[in-house]
Amino acid sequence: MKNNILIVEDHELTRFGLKTAFEACDFVGEIYEAESGEVSVDVVENNHVDLVIMDLGLPGMNGIEATRKIKQHKPEIKVIILTSHNDVQEVLNSLKAGANAYCSKEINPTRLTEVVQSVLDGASWFDPSIAHIVLEAASQFQQPENNSPEKDYGLTARETQILKLITEGYSNNEIANHLFVSINTTKAHVASILQKLEVDDRLQAALKALKEGLV
């Protein structure tokens, strides 16, 4: 299945490099380009776009506002933020705007194409270099007013306890020591948590837990 991609970047050379990388991908169909946030909104409105690669430092309407507008009109479109900044507030605002992934501009082009395919398949992804920033930002999300989860994922009491420790940044070894259980038992619980939450890794589990009030 081919997916149409929009590259939003005000630097022509960077756009060219990204377009060249994606032209070699068999899962990519049409590749659209936009040099500003305003143009990106117009492109999305008038074309079928599956995923947007969004630069934040755009002239006029910035990438966060453009992401917000795109998501408001077409929430099914995936948005990957591509930036050279790792500011906590910027990450938080990107998440609130609906971004599905947040990548450093230093990411390897081959790795970026893998991230795009992963996000198109429904995953969320955040650059390892900013994982701690994402968790810090996500912890600032307002929890549901009734303080109850939006969905019952069937987590056991022990799994919920471990999920809370994951959101607090505990490693598997630290969790094992904290709960006086073996590392293999901890790994088994974490694997079960990821499966029940339908996420690919610990970071996604932590984000989902914080955003949906699971802990």
Foldseek 3Di string as FASTA:
>chain_A
DAFEEEEEAQDPVVVVVLVVLCVPDPNHDHYHYHNALVVVLVCVVVDPHQEYEAEQPGPDDGRLNSLLSSCVVPVRHAYEYEYQDLDLVVLLSNVVSPHQEYYYNPDDSVVVVVVVVVVSVPAGYYDPVNLVSNLVSLLPDDEPPVLDFPDCLPQDPVLLVLLVVLSVPDDLVRVCVVVVHDSVVSVVSLVVLCVSVVHDDSSRSSSNCSHGNSD
